Amino acid sequence: MNVEAYRDYCLSKPFVTESFPFDSETLVFKVGGKMFALAGVNMFVSVNLKCEPERAIDLRETYNGVKPGWHMSKKHWNTITIESDVPTPLLKELIDHSYELVYQSLPKKLKNELQAG
């Protein structure tokens, strides 16, 4: 997966916004104002994704390309190396998982506002 495909995939999710809140290099995707994915755009070598804690541990034990989240909560975030043993279909599934964790954690009122447009 290249940076364009990654960006397109993240933006295909409902109610997603993109921004550069930290610097001009780190592209952040949010739903309802909460981050679910981030990556460097000039050196697209890895992505940070939120993950259910037990699944995060299983993934780290199974794939060399999955490490505890760099500069993130090690319990809830993984850093996935793009050119690694993590296949693209799994990377997409992990983006979906991250998005769903964050979206489902949003207050009902905010979800209703998002859906109302």
PDB file of N, CA and C in Angstrom:
ATOM      1  N   MET A   1       0.856  -1.178   0.000  1.00  0.00           N
ATOM      2  CA  MET A   1       0.000   0.000   0.000  1.00  0.00           C
ATOM      3  C   MET A   1       0.900   1.240   0.000  1.00  0.00           C
ATOM      4  N   ASN A   2       0.583   2.182  -0.860  1.00  0.00           N
ATOM      5  CA  ASN A   2       1.326   3.436  -0.872  1.00  0.00           C
ATOM      6  C   ASN A   2       0.509   4.500  -0.127  1.00  0.00           C
ATOM      7  N   VAL A   3       1.107   5.676   0.029  1.00  0.00           N
ATOM      8  CA  VAL A   3       0.463   6.719   0.823  1.00  0.00           C
ATOM      9  C   VAL A   3      -0.862   7.186   0.211  1.00  0.00           C
ATOM     10  N   GLU A   4      -0.948   7.205  -1.110  1.00  0.00           N
ATOM     11  CA  GLU A   4      -2.191   7.626  -1.755  1.00  0.00           C
ATOM     12  C   GLU A   4      -3.310   6.624  -1.504  1.00  0.00           C
ATOM     13  N   ALA A   5      -2.990   5.335  -1.619  1.00  0.00           N
ATOM     14  CA  ALA A   5      -3.992   4.292  -1.369  1.00  0.00           C
ATOM     15  C   ALA A   5      -4.425   4.307   0.102  1.00  0.00           C
ATOM     16  N   TYR A   6      -3.469   4.504   0.992  1.00  0.00           N
ATOM     17  CA  TYR A   6      -3.776   4.604   2.423  1.00  0.00           C
ATOM     18  C   TYR A   6      -4.720   5.782   2.690  1.00  0.00           C
ATOM     19  N   ARG A   7      -4.393   6.940   2.136  1.00  0.00           N
ATOM     20  CA  ARG A   7      -5.214   8.138   2.318  1.00  0.00           C
ATOM     21  C   ARG A   7      -6.615   7.911   1.765  1.00  0.00           C
ATOM     22  N   ASP A   8      -6.703   7.382   0.549  1.00  0.00           N
ATOM     23  CA  ASP A   8      -8.012   7.133  -0.062  1.00  0.00           C
ATOM     24  C   ASP A   8      -8.842   6.166   0.773  1.00  0.00           C
ATOM     25  N   TYR A   9      -8.186   5.121   1.300  1.00  0.00           N
ATOM     26  CA  TYR A   9      -8.915   4.134   2.083  1.00  0.00           C
ATOM     27  C   TYR A   9      -9.459   4.760   3.370  1.00  0.00           C
ATOM     28  N   CYS A  10      -8.612   5.538   4.057  1.00  0.00           N
ATOM     29  CA  CYS A  10      -9.075   6.194   5.297  1.00  0.00           C
ATOM     30  C   CYS A  10     -10.211   7.167   5.011  1.00  0.00           C
ATOM     31  N   LEU A  11     -10.086   7.921   3.928  1.00  0.00           N
ATOM     32  CA  LEU A  11     -11.124   8.903   3.601  1.00  0.00           C
ATOM     33  C   LEU A  11     -12.414   8.269   3.092  1.00  0.00           C
ATOM     34  N   SER A  12     -12.373   6.985   2.739  1.00  0.00           N
ATOM     35  CA  SER A  12     -13.588   6.304   2.270  1.00  0.00           C
ATOM     36  C   SER A  12     -14.547   5.994   3.421  1.00  0.00           C
ATOM     37  N   LYS A  13     -14.067   6.106   4.645  1.00  0.00           N
ATOM     38  CA  LYS A  13     -14.910   5.841   5.811  1.00  0.00           C
ATOM     39  C   LYS A  13     -15.845   7.034   6.060  1.00  0.00           C
ATOM     40  N   PRO A  14     -17.037   6.791   6.568  1.00  0.00           N
ATOM     41  CA  PRO A  14     -17.973   7.895   6.830  1.00  0.00           C
ATOM     42  C   PRO A  14     -17.448   8.869   7.887  1.00  0.00           C
ATOM     43  N   PHE A  15     -17.684  10.145   7.641  1.00  0.00           N
ATOM     44  CA  PHE A  15     -17.442  11.227   8.606  1.00  0.00           C
ATOM     45  C   PHE A  15     -15.965  11.461   8.947  1.00  0.00           C
ATOM     46  N   VAL A  16     -15.057  11.024   8.082  1.00  0.00           N
ATOM     47  CA  VAL A  16     -13.619  11.151   8.352  1.00  0.00           C
ATOM     48  C   VAL A  16     -13.113  12.505   7.875  1.00  0.00           C
ATOM     49  N   THR A  17     -12.235  13.080   8.693  1.00  0.00           N
ATOM     50  CA  THR A  17     -11.529  14.300   8.314  1.00  0.00           C
ATOM     51  C   THR A  17     -10.032  14.018   8.366  1.00  0.00           C
ATOM     52  N   GLU A  18      -9.280  14.810   7.610  1.00  0.00           N
ATOM     53  CA  GLU A  18      -7.827  14.682   7.644  1.00  0.00           C
ATOM     54  C   GLU A  18      -7.231  16.034   7.995  1.00  0.00           C
ATOM     55  N   SER A  19      -6.088  16.002   8.677  1.00  0.00           N
ATOM     56  CA  SER A  19      -5.424  17.240   9.054  1.00  0.00           C
ATOM     57  C   SER A  19      -3.964  16.968   9.394  1.00  0.00           C
ATOM     58  N   PHE A  20      -3.229  18.040   9.618  1.00  0.00           N
ATOM     59  CA  PHE A  20      -1.832  17.988  10.040  1.00  0.00           C
ATOM     60  C   PHE A  20      -1.700  18.750  11.359  1.00  0.00           C
ATOM     61  N   PRO A  21      -2.254  18.216  12.465  1.00  0.00           N
ATOM     62  CA  PRO A  21      -2.269  18.971  13.715  1.00  0.00           C
ATOM     63  C   PRO A  21      -0.914  19.075  14.421  1.00  0.00           C
ATOM     64  N   PHE A  22       0.011  18.181  14.103  1.00  0.00           N
ATOM     65  CA  PHE A  22       1.289  18.142  14.819  1.00  0.00           C
ATOM     66  C   PHE A  22       2.407  18.865  14.072  1.00  0.00           C
ATOM     67  N   ASP A  23       2.464  18.627  12.760  1.00  0.00           N
ATOM     68  CA  ASP A  23       3.502  19.202  11.918  1.00  0.00           C
ATOM     69  C   ASP A  23       3.072  19.030  10.468  1.00  0.00           C
ATOM     70  N   SER A  24       3.926  19.434   9.533  1.00  0.00           N
ATOM     71  CA  SER A  24       3.560  19.331   8.115  1.00  0.00           C
ATOM     72  C   SER A  24       3.831  17.950   7.537  1.00  0.00           C
ATOM     73  N   GLU A  25       4.293  17.036   8.346  1.00  0.00           N
ATOM     74  CA  GLU A  25       4.661  15.687   7.904  1.00  0.00           C
ATOM     75  C   GLU A  25       3.645  14.623   8.323  1.00  0.00           C
ATOM     76  N   THR A  26       3.024  14.780   9.474  1.00  0.00           N
ATOM     77  CA  THR A  26       2.182  13.731  10.046  1.00  0.00           C
ATOM     78  C   THR A  26       0.713  13.961   9.702  1.00  0.00           C
ATOM     79  N   LEU A  27       0.218  13.103   8.810  1.00  0.00           N
ATOM     80  CA  LEU A  27      -1.182  13.166   8.379  1.00  0.00           C
ATOM     81  C   LEU A  27      -2.036  12.369   9.365  1.00  0.00           C
ATOM     82  N   VAL A  28      -3.048  13.033   9.908  1.00  0.00           N
ATOM     83  CA  VAL A  28      -3.912  12.432  10.931  1.00  0.00           C
ATOM     84  C   VAL A  28      -5.333  12.326  10.396  1.00  0.00           C
ATOM     85  N   PHE A  29      -5.929  11.159  10.585  1.00  0.00           N
ATOM     86  CA  PHE A  29      -7.329  10.944  10.222  1.00  0.00           C
ATOM     87  C   PHE A  29      -8.137  10.827  11.499  1.00  0.00           C
ATOM     88  N   LYS A  30      -9.280  11.538  11.514  1.00  0.00           N
ATOM     89  CA  LYS A  30     -10.141  11.552  12.689  1.00  0.00           C
ATOM     90  C   LYS A  30     -11.581  11.264  12.280  1.00  0.00           C
ATOM     91  N   VAL A  31     -12.319  10.739  13.243  1.00  0.00           N
ATOM     92  CA  VAL A  31     -13.767  10.622  13.115  1.00  0.00           C
ATOM     93  C   VAL A  31     -14.346  11.232  14.390  1.00  0.00           C
ATOM     94  N   GLY A  32     -15.268  12.169  14.217  1.00  0.00           N
ATOM     95  CA  GLY A  32     -15.836  12.849  15.363  1.00  0.00           C
ATOM     96  C   GLY A  32     -14.805  13.594  16.189  1.00  0.00           C
ATOM     97  N   GLY A  33     -13.739  14.044  15.547  1.00  0.00           N
ATOM     98  CA  GLY A  33     -12.695  14.788  16.246  1.00  0.00           C
ATOM     99  C   GLY A  33     -11.684  13.941  16.987  1.00  0.00           C
ATOM    100  N   LYS A  34     -11.793  12.614  16.880  1.00  0.00           N
ATOM    101  CA  LYS A  34     -10.866  11.713  17.564  1.00  0.00           C
ATOM    102  C   LYS A  34     -10.029  10.942  16.547  1.00  0.00           C
ATOM    103  N   MET A  35      -8.731  10.839  16.824  1.00  0.00           N
ATOM    104  CA  MET A  35      -7.806  10.156  15.912  1.00  0.00           C
ATOM    105  C   MET A  35      -8.077   8.657  15.839  1.00  0.00           C
ATOM    106  N   PHE A  36      -7.964   8.131  14.596  1.00  0.00           N
ATOM    107  CA  PHE A  36      -7.969   6.677  14.449  1.00  0.00           C
ATOM    108  C   PHE A  36      -6.796   6.193  13.612  1.00  0.00           C
ATOM    109  N   ALA A  37      -6.122   7.092  12.890  1.00  0.00           N
ATOM    110  CA  ALA A  37      -4.975   6.689  12.071  1.00  0.00           C
ATOM    111  C   ALA A  37      -4.066   7.886  11.842  1.00  0.00           C
ATOM    112  N   LEU A  38      -2.769   7.624  11.827  1.00  0.00           N
ATOM    113  CA  LEU A  38      -1.818   8.664  11.482  1.00  0.00           C
ATOM    114  C   LEU A  38      -0.570   8.049  10.885  1.00  0.00           C
ATOM    115  N   ALA A  39       0.081   8.844  10.012  1.00  0.00           N
ATOM    116  CA  ALA A  39       1.288   8.372   9.333  1.00  0.00           C
ATOM    117  C   ALA A  39       2.052   9.560   8.775  1.00  0.00           C
ATOM    118  N   GLY A  40       3.335   9.350   8.561  1.00  0.00           N
ATOM    119  CA  GLY A  40       4.148  10.351   7.890  1.00  0.00           C
ATOM    120  C   GLY A  40       3.872  10.291   6.398  1.00  0.00           C
ATOM    121  N   VAL A  41       3.736  11.445   5.766  1.00  0.00           N
ATOM    122  CA  VAL A  41       3.422  11.456   4.338  1.00  0.00           C
ATOM    123  C   VAL A  41       4.666  11.522   3.462  1.00  0.00           C
ATOM    124  N   ASN A  42       5.726  12.148   3.934  1.00  0.00           N
ATOM    125  CA  ASN A  42       6.942  12.242   3.112  1.00  0.00           C
ATOM    126  C   ASN A  42       7.764  10.964   3.175  1.00  0.00           C
ATOM    127  N   MET A  43       7.762  10.326   4.339  1.00  0.00           N
ATOM    128  CA  MET A  43       8.420   9.020   4.497  1.00  0.00           C
ATOM    129  C   MET A  43       7.357   8.049   4.987  1.00  0.00           C
ATOM    130  N   PHE A  44       6.602   7.500   4.045  1.00  0.00           N
ATOM    131  CA  PHE A  44       5.485   6.616   4.390  1.00  0.00           C
ATOM    132  C   PHE A  44       6.022   5.211   4.626  1.00  0.00           C
ATOM    133  N   VAL A  45       6.473   4.967   5.857  1.00  0.00           N
ATOM    134  CA  VAL A  45       7.038   3.667   6.192  1.00  0.00           C
ATOM    135  C   VAL A  45       6.202   2.900   7.209  1.00  0.00           C
ATOM    136  N   SER A  46       5.333   3.624   7.930  1.00  0.00           N
ATOM    137  CA  SER A  46       4.501   2.964   8.932  1.00  0.00           C
ATOM    138  C   SER A  46       3.256   3.806   9.196  1.00  0.00           C
ATOM    139  N   VAL A  47       2.278   3.155   9.827  1.00  0.00           N
ATOM    140  CA  VAL A  47       1.055   3.839  10.247  1.00  0.00           C
ATOM    141  C   VAL A  47       0.775   3.476  11.704  1.00  0.00           C
ATOM    142  N   ASN A  48       0.174   4.392  12.429  1.00  0.00           N
ATOM    143  CA  ASN A  48      -0.279   4.125  13.789  1.00  0.00           C
ATOM    144  C   ASN A  48      -1.786   3.960  13.762  1.00  0.00           C
ATOM    145  N   LEU A  49      -2.250   2.858  14.361  1.00  0.00           N
ATOM    146  CA  LEU A  49      -3.676   2.544  14.383  1.00  0.00           C
ATOM    147  C   LEU A  49      -4.090   2.117  15.782  1.00  0.00           C
ATOM    148  N   LYS A  50      -5.262   2.526  16.178  1.00  0.00           N
ATOM    149  CA  LYS A  50      -5.820   2.110  17.463  1.00  0.00           C
ATOM    150  C   LYS A  50      -6.208   0.634  17.364  1.00  0.00           C
ATOM    151  N   CYS A  51      -6.115  -0.069  18.493  1.00  0.00           N
ATOM    152  CA  CYS A  51      -6.416  -1.501  18.471  1.00  0.00           C
ATOM    153  C   CYS A  51      -6.898  -1.930  19.848  1.00  0.00           C
ATOM    154  N   GLU A  52      -7.821  -2.859  19.862  1.00  0.00           N
ATOM    155  CA  GLU A  52      -8.281  -3.463  21.112  1.00  0.00           C
ATOM    156  C   GLU A  52      -7.043  -4.100  21.771  1.00  0.00           C
ATOM    157  N   PRO A  53      -6.815  -3.860  23.069  1.00  0.00           N
ATOM    158  CA  PRO A  53      -5.559  -4.269  23.710  1.00  0.00           C
ATOM    159  C   PRO A  53      -5.155  -5.736  23.555  1.00  0.00           C
ATOM    160  N   GLU A  54      -6.081  -6.670  23.728  1.00  0.00           N
ATOM    161  CA  GLU A  54      -5.708  -8.085  23.592  1.00  0.00           C
ATOM    162  C   GLU A  54      -5.334  -8.424  22.153  1.00  0.00           C
ATOM    163  N   ARG A  55      -6.060  -7.859  21.221  1.00  0.00           N
ATOM    164  CA  ARG A  55      -5.734  -8.095  19.809  1.00  0.00           C
ATOM    165  C   ARG A  55      -4.377  -7.472  19.465  1.00  0.00           C
ATOM    166  N   ALA A  56      -4.088  -6.317  20.051  1.00  0.00           N
ATOM    167  CA  ALA A  56      -2.801  -5.657  19.812  1.00  0.00           C
ATOM    168  C   ALA A  56      -1.651  -6.577  20.207  1.00  0.00           C
ATOM    169  N   ILE A  57      -1.776  -7.220  21.346  1.00  0.00           N
ATOM    170  CA  ILE A  57      -0.728  -8.144  21.809  1.00  0.00           C
ATOM    171  C   ILE A  57      -0.603  -9.325  20.857  1.00  0.00           C
ATOM    172  N   ASP A  58      -1.725  -9.908  20.452  1.00  0.00           N
ATOM    173  CA  ASP A  58      -1.699 -11.037  19.516  1.00  0.00           C
ATOM    174  C   ASP A  58      -1.019 -10.653  18.204  1.00  0.00           C
ATOM    175  N   LEU A  59      -1.345  -9.489  17.689  1.00  0.00           N
ATOM    176  CA  LEU A  59      -0.742  -9.035  16.427  1.00  0.00           C
ATOM    177  C   LEU A  59       0.763  -8.847  16.570  1.00  0.00           C
ATOM    178  N   ARG A  60       1.188  -8.271  17.675  1.00  0.00           N
ATOM    179  CA  ARG A  60       2.624  -8.059  17.917  1.00  0.00           C
ATOM    180  C   ARG A  60       3.373  -9.373  18.023  1.00  0.00           C
ATOM    181  N   GLU A  61       2.719 -10.383  18.574  1.00  0.00           N
ATOM    182  CA  GLU A  61       3.349 -11.701  18.708  1.00  0.00           C
ATOM    183  C   GLU A  61       3.367 -12.463  17.389  1.00  0.00           C
ATOM    184  N   THR A  62       2.469 -12.127  16.476  1.00  0.00           N
ATOM    185  CA  THR A  62       2.334 -12.843  15.214  1.00  0.00           C
ATOM    186  C   THR A  62       3.137 -12.210  14.081  1.00  0.00           C
ATOM    187  N   TYR A  63       3.209 -10.881  14.039  1.00  0.00           N
ATOM    188  CA  TYR A  63       3.830 -10.171  12.914  1.00  0.00           C
ATOM    189  C   TYR A  63       5.004  -9.318  13.376  1.00  0.00           C
ATOM    190  N   ASN A  64       6.144  -9.477  12.695  1.00  0.00           N
ATOM    191  CA  ASN A  64       7.308  -8.642  12.981  1.00  0.00           C
ATOM    192  C   ASN A  64       7.029  -7.180  12.689  1.00  0.00           C
ATOM    193  N   GLY A  65       6.110  -6.913  11.745  1.00  0.00           N
ATOM    194  CA  GLY A  65       5.803  -5.553  11.338  1.00  0.00           C
ATOM    195  C   GLY A  65       4.803  -4.830  12.227  1.00  0.00           C
ATOM    196  N   VAL A  66       4.422  -5.438  13.338  1.00  0.00           N
ATOM    197  CA  VAL A  66       3.491  -4.788  14.278  1.00  0.00           C
ATOM    198  C   VAL A  66       4.215  -4.598  15.606  1.00  0.00           C
ATOM    199  N   LYS A  67       4.325  -3.331  16.004  1.00  0.00           N
ATOM    200  CA  LYS A  67       5.019  -2.959  17.243  1.00  0.00           C
ATOM    201  C   LYS A  67       4.094  -2.081  18.082  1.00  0.00           C
ATOM    202  N   PRO A  68       4.412  -1.933  19.374  1.00  0.00           N
ATOM    203  CA  PRO A  68       3.633  -0.991  20.186  1.00  0.00           C
ATOM    204  C   PRO A  68       3.669   0.405  19.560  1.00  0.00           C
ATOM    205  N   GLY A  69       2.596   1.139  19.701  1.00  0.00           N
ATOM    206  CA  GLY A  69       2.462   2.453  19.066  1.00  0.00           C
ATOM    207  C   GLY A  69       3.580   3.414  19.418  1.00  0.00           C
ATOM    208  N   TRP A  70       4.235   3.932  18.395  1.00  0.00           N
ATOM    209  CA  TRP A  70       5.318   4.889  18.578  1.00  0.00           C
ATOM    210  C   TRP A  70       4.728   6.236  18.959  1.00  0.00           C
ATOM    211  N   HIS A  71       5.160   6.795  20.072  1.00  0.00           N
ATOM    212  CA  HIS A  71       4.650   8.067  20.601  1.00  0.00           C
ATOM    213  C   HIS A  71       3.152   8.016  20.911  1.00  0.00           C
ATOM    214  N   MET A  72       2.643   6.832  21.187  1.00  0.00           N
ATOM    215  CA  MET A  72       1.223   6.662  21.479  1.00  0.00           C
ATOM    216  C   MET A  72       1.093   5.753  22.706  1.00  0.00           C
ATOM    217  N   SER A  73      -0.126   5.590  23.196  1.00  0.00           N
ATOM    218  CA  SER A  73      -0.375   4.635  24.275  1.00  0.00           C
ATOM    219  C   SER A  73      -0.034   3.239  23.770  1.00  0.00           C
ATOM    220  N   LYS A  74       0.919   2.595  24.409  1.00  0.00           N
ATOM    221  CA  LYS A  74       1.364   1.259  23.973  1.00  0.00           C
ATOM    222  C   LYS A  74       0.266   0.219  24.147  1.00  0.00           C
ATOM    223  N   LYS A  75      -0.662   0.486  25.037  1.00  0.00           N
ATOM    224  CA  LYS A  75      -1.748  -0.460  25.282  1.00  0.00           C
ATOM    225  C   LYS A  75      -2.782  -0.425  24.167  1.00  0.00           C
ATOM    226  N   HIS A  76      -3.065   0.763  23.632  1.00  0.00           N
ATOM    227  CA  HIS A  76      -4.180   0.932  22.701  1.00  0.00           C
ATOM    228  C   HIS A  76      -3.781   1.216  21.254  1.00  0.00           C
ATOM    229  N   TRP A  77      -2.488   1.376  20.971  1.00  0.00           N
ATOM    230  CA  TRP A  77      -2.055   1.729  19.619  1.00  0.00           C
ATOM    231  C   TRP A  77      -0.932   0.815  19.153  1.00  0.00           C
ATOM    232  N   ASN A  78      -0.970   0.482  17.871  1.00  0.00           N
ATOM    233  CA  ASN A  78       0.103  -0.264  17.219  1.00  0.00           C
ATOM    234  C   ASN A  78       0.711   0.591  16.114  1.00  0.00           C
ATOM    235  N   THR A  79       1.988   0.394  15.883  1.00  0.00           N
ATOM    236  CA  THR A  79       2.651   0.937  14.711  1.00  0.00           C
ATOM    237  C   THR A  79       2.857  -0.224  13.758  1.00  0.00           C
ATOM    238  N   ILE A  80       2.340  -0.104  12.539  1.00  0.00           N
ATOM    239  CA  ILE A  80       2.445  -1.163  11.534  1.00  0.00           C
ATOM    240  C   ILE A  80       3.385  -0.693  10.443  1.00  0.00           C
ATOM    241  N   THR A  81       4.435  -1.459  10.223  1.00  0.00           N
ATOM    242  CA  THR A  81       5.393  -1.142   9.165  1.00  0.00           C
ATOM    243  C   THR A  81       4.792  -1.569   7.833  1.00  0.00           C
ATOM    244  N   ILE A  82       4.846  -0.653   6.861  1.00  0.00           N
ATOM    245  CA  ILE A  82       4.209  -0.891   5.560  1.00  0.00           C
ATOM    246  C   ILE A  82       4.883  -2.028   4.790  1.00  0.00           C
ATOM    247  N   GLU A  83       6.172  -1.950   4.592  1.00  0.00           N
ATOM    248  CA  GLU A  83       6.906  -3.000   3.863  1.00  0.00           C
ATOM    249  C   GLU A  83       7.346  -4.053   4.867  1.00  0.00           C
ATOM    250  N   SER A  84       6.422  -4.899   5.286  1.00  0.00           N
ATOM    251  CA  SER A  84       6.717  -5.914   6.299  1.00  0.00           C
ATOM    252  C   SER A  84       5.905  -7.172   6.012  1.00  0.00           C
ATOM    253  N   ASP A  85       5.818  -8.019   7.013  1.00  0.00           N
ATOM    254  CA  ASP A  85       5.065  -9.266   6.877  1.00  0.00           C
ATOM    255  C   ASP A  85       3.562  -9.071   7.096  1.00  0.00           C
ATOM    256  N   VAL A  86       3.118  -7.829   7.237  1.00  0.00           N
ATOM    257  CA  VAL A  86       1.690  -7.540   7.394  1.00  0.00           C
ATOM    258  C   VAL A  86       1.088  -7.354   5.998  1.00  0.00           C
ATOM    259  N   PRO A  87       0.249  -8.287   5.544  1.00  0.00           N
ATOM    260  CA  PRO A  87      -0.326  -8.171   4.203  1.00  0.00           C
ATOM    261  C   PRO A  87      -1.321  -7.010   4.105  1.00  0.00           C
ATOM    262  N   THR A  88      -1.457  -6.467   2.919  1.00  0.00           N
ATOM    263  CA  THR A  88      -2.347  -5.320   2.695  1.00  0.00           C
ATOM    264  C   THR A  88      -3.780  -5.591   3.141  1.00  0.00           C
ATOM    265  N   PRO A  89      -4.359  -6.768   2.862  1.00  0.00           N
ATOM    266  CA  PRO A  89      -5.734  -6.995   3.350  1.00  0.00           C
ATOM    267  C   PRO A  89      -5.835  -6.886   4.880  1.00  0.00           C
ATOM    268  N   LEU A  90      -4.818  -7.352   5.592  1.00  0.00           N
ATOM    269  CA  LEU A  90      -4.834  -7.228   7.053  1.00  0.00           C
ATOM    270  C   LEU A  90      -4.674  -5.764   7.453  1.00  0.00           C
ATOM    271  N   LEU A  91      -3.817  -5.028   6.767  1.00  0.00           N
ATOM    272  CA  LEU A  91      -3.666  -3.601   7.065  1.00  0.00           C
ATOM    273  C   LEU A  91      -5.004  -2.874   6.911  1.00  0.00           C
ATOM    274  N   LYS A  92      -5.735  -3.178   5.845  1.00  0.00           N
ATOM    275  CA  LYS A  92      -7.054  -2.563   5.658  1.00  0.00           C
ATOM    276  C   LYS A  92      -8.007  -2.966   6.779  1.00  0.00           C
ATOM    277  N   GLU A  93      -7.960  -4.220   7.179  1.00  0.00           N
ATOM    278  CA  GLU A  93      -8.804  -4.684   8.284  1.00  0.00           C
ATOM    279  C   GLU A  93      -8.454  -3.947   9.576  1.00  0.00           C
ATOM    280  N   LEU A  94      -7.164  -3.679   9.791  1.00  0.00           N
ATOM    281  CA  LEU A  94      -6.742  -2.972  11.000  1.00  0.00           C
ATOM    282  C   LEU A  94      -7.144  -1.498  10.957  1.00  0.00           C
ATOM    283  N   ILE A  95      -7.154  -0.901   9.772  1.00  0.00           N
ATOM    284  CA  ILE A  95      -7.678   0.459   9.626  1.00  0.00           C
ATOM    285  C   ILE A  95      -9.171   0.458   9.975  1.00  0.00           C
ATOM    286  N   ASP A  96      -9.897  -0.523   9.450  1.00  0.00           N
ATOM    287  CA  ASP A  96     -11.332  -0.654   9.757  1.00  0.00           C
ATOM    288  C   ASP A  96     -11.554  -0.811  11.262  1.00  0.00           C
ATOM    289  N   HIS A  97     -10.745  -1.672  11.881  1.00  0.00           N
ATOM    290  CA  HIS A  97     -10.861  -1.940  13.317  1.00  0.00           C
ATOM    291  C   HIS A  97     -10.619  -0.659  14.120  1.00  0.00           C
ATOM    292  N   SER A  98      -9.586   0.079  13.766  1.00  0.00           N
ATOM    293  CA  SER A  98      -9.270   1.329  14.448  1.00  0.00           C
ATOM    294  C   SER A  98     -10.412   2.324  14.313  1.00  0.00           C
ATOM    295  N   TYR A  99     -10.896   2.478  13.089  1.00  0.00           N
ATOM    296  CA  TYR A  99     -12.017   3.391  12.836  1.00  0.00           C
ATOM    297  C   TYR A  99     -13.234   2.999  13.690  1.00  0.00           C
ATOM    298  N   GLU A 100     -13.584   1.724  13.688  1.00  0.00           N
ATOM    299  CA  GLU A 100     -14.768   1.263  14.427  1.00  0.00           C
ATOM    300  C   GLU A 100     -14.610   1.472  15.931  1.00  0.00           C
ATOM    301  N   LEU A 101     -13.412   1.204  16.472  1.00  0.00           N
ATOM    302  CA  LEU A 101     -13.190   1.434  17.903  1.00  0.00           C
ATOM    303  C   LEU A 101     -13.454   2.890  18.262  1.00  0.00           C
ATOM    304  N   VAL A 102     -12.926   3.792  17.453  1.00  0.00           N
ATOM    305  CA  VAL A 102     -13.083   5.213  17.743  1.00  0.00           C
ATOM    306  C   VAL A 102     -14.529   5.654  17.507  1.00  0.00           C
ATOM    307  N   TYR A 103     -15.097   5.256  16.379  1.00  0.00           N
ATOM    308  CA  TYR A 103     -16.479   5.662  16.077  1.00  0.00           C
ATOM    309  C   TYR A 103     -17.442   5.166  17.149  1.00  0.00           C
ATOM    310  N   GLN A 104     -17.291   3.905  17.555  1.00  0.00           N
ATOM    311  CA  GLN A 104     -18.205   3.342  18.557  1.00  0.00           C
ATOM    312  C   GLN A 104     -18.040   4.002  19.922  1.00  0.00           C
ATOM    313  N   SER A 105     -16.885   4.614  20.180  1.00  0.00           N
ATOM    314  CA  SER A 105     -16.653   5.273  21.466  1.00  0.00           C
ATOM    315  C   SER A 105     -17.239   6.685  21.520  1.00  0.00           C
ATOM    316  N   LEU A 106     -17.686   7.199  20.383  1.00  0.00           N
ATOM    317  CA  LEU A 106     -18.235   8.551  20.347  1.00  0.00           C
ATOM    318  C   LEU A 106     -19.576   8.608  21.076  1.00  0.00           C
ATOM    319  N   PRO A 107     -19.864   9.727  21.713  1.00  0.00           N
ATOM    320  CA  PRO A 107     -21.183   9.871  22.353  1.00  0.00           C
ATOM    321  C   PRO A 107     -22.309   9.759  21.322  1.00  0.00           C
ATOM    322  N   LYS A 108     -23.436   9.218  21.749  1.00  0.00           N
ATOM    323  CA  LYS A 108     -24.580   9.023  20.859  1.00  0.00           C
ATOM    324  C   LYS A 108     -24.998  10.334  20.209  1.00  0.00           C
ATOM    325  N   LYS A 109     -24.986  11.407  20.966  1.00  0.00           N
ATOM    326  CA  LYS A 109     -25.376  12.718  20.434  1.00  0.00           C
ATOM    327  C   LYS A 109     -24.474  13.120  19.268  1.00  0.00           C
ATOM    328  N   LEU A 110     -23.164  12.920  19.415  1.00  0.00           N
ATOM    329  CA  LEU A 110     -22.231  13.271  18.334  1.00  0.00           C
ATOM    330  C   LEU A 110     -22.456  12.373  17.111  1.00  0.00           C
ATOM    331  N   LYS A 111     -22.675  11.094  17.331  1.00  0.00           N
ATOM    332  CA  LYS A 111     -22.958  10.196  16.208  1.00  0.00           C
ATOM    333  C   LYS A 111     -24.201  10.656  15.465  1.00  0.00           C
ATOM    334  N   ASN A 112     -25.240  11.049  16.195  1.00  0.00           N
ATOM    335  CA  ASN A 112     -26.459  11.539  15.565  1.00  0.00           C
ATOM    336  C   ASN A 112     -26.200  12.806  14.768  1.00  0.00           C
ATOM    337  N   GLU A 113     -25.385  13.708  15.303  1.00  0.00           N
ATOM    338  CA  GLU A 113     -25.040  14.935  14.594  1.00  0.00           C
ATOM    339  C   GLU A 113     -24.278  14.623  13.313  1.00  0.00           C
ATOM    340  N   LEU A 114     -23.336  13.691  13.384  1.00  0.00           N
ATOM    341  CA  LEU A 114     -22.573  13.311  12.197  1.00  0.00           C
ATOM    342  C   LEU A 114     -23.502  12.723  11.125  1.00  0.00           C
ATOM    343  N   GLN A 115     -24.385  11.843  11.557  1.00  0.00           N
ATOM    344  CA  GLN A 115     -25.281  11.191  10.609  1.00  0.00           C
ATOM    345  C   GLN A 115     -26.288  12.168  10.004  1.00  0.00           C
ATOM    346  N   ALA A 116     -26.640  13.198  10.757  1.00  0.00           N
ATOM    347  CA  ALA A 116     -27.588  14.194  10.236  1.00  0.00           C
ATOM    348  C   ALA A 116     -26.939  15.102   9.193  1.00  0.00           C
ATOM    349  N   GLY A 117     -25.591  15.133   9.236  1.00  0.00           N
ATOM    350  CA  GLY A 117     -24.861  15.898   8.227  1.00  0.00           C
ATOM    351  C   GLY A 117     -24.763  17.328   8.552  1.00  0.00           C
TER     352      GLY A 117
END
